[in-house]
Amino acid sequence: MRSLRDCDGKHVEAVIRAAERRRLFVLALERAAIALALVLAGGILMLLLGTQILNWYWLALLAAAGVGIVATGVRSRPLER
């Protein structure tokens, strides 16, 4: 069994980097789920208000808004160390 003195900092740093990547992935997935919910809610609202849902530019606009929400949410959240 290895003692604590035998462990070097490289292994600890690798574990920390992997944890940061996982945290960023989970954060991006969380924001993507919120953005998808907002896009779907916008589509439902468009159907209820009678807007022509088959026009592609409305859906493209909603999708672009969702991508913008994900991008700003992930970039604005600082990573703690």
Protein backbone atom coordinates (compact mmCIF):
# COMPACT_ATOMS: atom_id res chain seq x y z
CA MET A 1 0.00 0.00 0.00
CA ARG A 2 1.35 3.40 -0.94
CA SER A 3 1.75 6.09 1.68
CA LEU A 4 0.74 9.69 1.23
CA ARG A 5 4.36 10.67 0.71
CA ASP A 6 4.57 8.42 -2.35
CA CYS A 7 1.72 10.24 -4.15
CA ASP A 8 2.87 13.06 -6.30
CA GLY A 9 0.90 16.17 -7.17
CA LYS A 10 0.37 15.10 -10.78
CA HIS A 11 -2.27 12.56 -9.87
CA VAL A 12 -4.12 15.01 -7.66
CA GLU A 13 -4.05 17.68 -10.37
CA ALA A 14 -5.36 15.18 -12.93
CA VAL A 15 -8.26 14.29 -10.65
CA ILE A 16 -9.04 17.98 -10.10
CA ARG A 17 -8.96 18.69 -13.85
CA ALA A 18 -11.27 15.76 -14.51
CA ALA A 19 -13.66 17.00 -11.82
CA GLU A 20 -13.66 20.49 -13.38
CA ARG A 21 -14.47 19.02 -16.80
CA ARG A 22 -17.31 16.95 -15.33
CA ARG A 23 -18.67 19.99 -13.49
CA LEU A 24 -18.60 22.08 -16.66
CA PHE A 25 -20.36 19.29 -18.58
CA VAL A 26 -23.07 19.01 -15.92
CA LEU A 27 -23.50 22.79 -15.90
CA ALA A 28 -23.82 22.88 -19.70
CA LEU A 29 -26.32 20.01 -19.60
CA GLU A 30 -28.34 21.79 -16.91
CA ARG A 31 -28.42 25.03 -18.90
CA ALA A 32 -29.31 23.15 -22.09
CA ALA A 33 -32.27 21.52 -20.35
CA ILE A 34 -33.50 24.92 -19.16
CA ALA A 35 -33.05 26.41 -22.64
CA LEU A 36 -34.88 23.48 -24.24
CA ALA A 37 -37.76 23.93 -21.82
CA LEU A 38 -37.96 27.62 -22.74
CA VAL A 39 -37.86 26.86 -26.46
CA LEU A 40 -40.63 24.28 -26.10
CA ALA A 41 -42.67 26.70 -23.97
CA GLY A 42 -42.24 29.31 -26.72
CA GLY A 43 -43.45 26.80 -29.30
CA ILE A 44 -46.51 26.01 -27.19
CA LEU A 45 -47.20 29.71 -26.75
CA MET A 46 -46.95 30.22 -30.50
CA LEU A 47 -49.46 27.43 -31.05
CA LEU A 48 -51.85 28.89 -28.50
CA LEU A 49 -51.62 32.40 -29.93
CA GLY A 50 -52.19 31.14 -33.45
CA THR A 51 -48.85 32.18 -34.93
CA GLN A 52 -47.98 30.18 -38.00
CA ILE A 53 -45.74 27.58 -36.42
CA LEU A 54 -44.81 26.09 -39.75
CA ASN A 55 -42.78 29.14 -40.70
CA TRP A 56 -39.22 27.98 -40.15
CA TYR A 57 -37.84 31.31 -39.03
CA TRP A 58 -39.88 31.32 -35.79
CA LEU A 59 -38.44 27.99 -34.76
CA ALA A 60 -34.95 29.06 -35.83
CA LEU A 61 -35.31 32.20 -33.73
CA LEU A 62 -36.40 30.16 -30.70
CA ALA A 63 -33.52 27.71 -31.21
CA ALA A 64 -31.01 30.59 -31.49
CA ALA A 65 -32.39 32.07 -28.27
CA GLY A 66 -31.95 28.69 -26.56
CA VAL A 67 -28.34 28.41 -27.72
CA GLY A 68 -27.73 31.95 -26.50
CA ILE A 69 -29.14 31.10 -23.08
CA VAL A 70 -26.87 28.06 -22.81
CA ALA A 71 -23.78 29.98 -23.94
CA THR A 72 -24.30 32.90 -21.57
CA GLY A 73 -25.20 30.62 -18.68
CA VAL A 74 -22.08 28.51 -19.02
CA ARG A 75 -19.71 31.41 -19.66
CA SER A 76 -21.04 33.59 -16.83
CA ARG A 77 -20.64 30.88 -14.18
CA PRO A 78 -17.10 31.06 -12.78
CA LEU A 79 -15.29 27.88 -11.83
CA GLU A 80 -14.21 27.79 -8.22
CA ARG A 81 -10.82 26.32 -7.44
